[in-house]
Amino acid sequence: MIAGSFTALITPFTENNEVDYHGLEQLVSFQIMNGISGILAVGTTGESPTLVWDEHNKVIEKVAEKTKNNCICIAGTGSNNTAEALTATKHALHAGVDAVLLVDPYYNGPSSLEIRKEYIEPVAGAFPSLDIIPYIIPGRTGTQLLPEDLAILTETCKNVRAVKEATGNLENMKQTRKYCGPDFTIISGDDGLTFTMMTDPEIQCTGVISVISNIAPKAISEMVRYLSAGEIGPATKLQKALKPLFELVTVKTMESTIRGNVECRARNPLATKTLMSILGMPSGRCRQPLGRMTKNGIETVVRAARKVQAENPEIFEPAAEAFHIDIHERLNSDRYLKGLYYTEY
């Protein structure tokens, strides 16, 4: 069973917009040092859509090498092209990963039946020794593998034993548990819903593939361990302490342009990488077409981080120690915001 706290690792970039492999190794070491159960390489948070396949494969190799005998390694090998998914999964298997994550095929929008028969089944059948984890996030993909088809997959493909659930729909999760049975693994793909998903007896989630654990792996790991042990009191305390950071996965602001007010959504991993840059962790900017945050967005990020630092400074202590940074100083000096937000739009 895949259970516990897993980090959907960012892919750090240099100032020249190249993959920062040294920074990547530092981030993996930081995660391992702070008790993470496993690391997901090149998922959505790792900006897989903007990595060329050579980069994609090399990141997986580096993460698999660093995690070996330390924690579980999951590789994002999904695509909207089954042939690409097969090639990527073959590479990941040879790199030594423990499991692969297959996001629902985006843009071309296959039905749930097609996702099962033309995508998951071919990959799972080709690599029977490798755990295959469907990743269901219709808000990103515009399509969805439904619980009914997922249940059939668990019967036809013995290596489909878990799902990353990021629908945000609790009823869908309950249907998954109902159809897939008590031994099937449901992993949260939404930091803000992990507590609910793990405590709801009709869902029985076993952990989370987290974005915020990029910054706070120790706190996320502890919260999940408490929830797994049924220790709701200390888990609740950590949930409340982390809540301001959970709210940064997507930052929505209203912005004034010459044509009127528009809503701006800074989607994952933009806010997370922005905060990591402010804190002095390996990160770099996101690759285009993701850009910078707005000034209002930056203020939202900094305000949330300051709240955590003021009320629960222990959340940031592991990062401060690992990267030799003064959290208070970095959160209260405008010089660390330089270049991180648009000055006009």
Foldseek 3Di string as FASTA:
>chain_A
DDFFEEAAAAFFADPVRHGPLVLLLLLLVLLLVQPGQEYEQLDVLNVVVPDDVVRLLVSLLSNQVSCVVRHAYEYEQAELDQVSSLVSVVSNVVSPHQAYEYEQYADVADALVCCLPVHPVVNLVVCLNHAYEYEAACVGGVYGNALQSLLVCVVVRVSDQEYADHPPDVVRLLSNCVSNDDRGAYEYAALLCFLVQCPDPSRNHRYYHDHCCSQQSNLRRVLSVCSNVVVVVVNVVSSVLCVLVSVLQKDWDWDQAPVGIDIDIQHHPQLVLLVCLLQPRRHHGDDPPRDAAAPVSVVSSLVSLVVSCVPPVVRRVSVCVSRVGDRVVSSPDCVSCPPRHDPHD
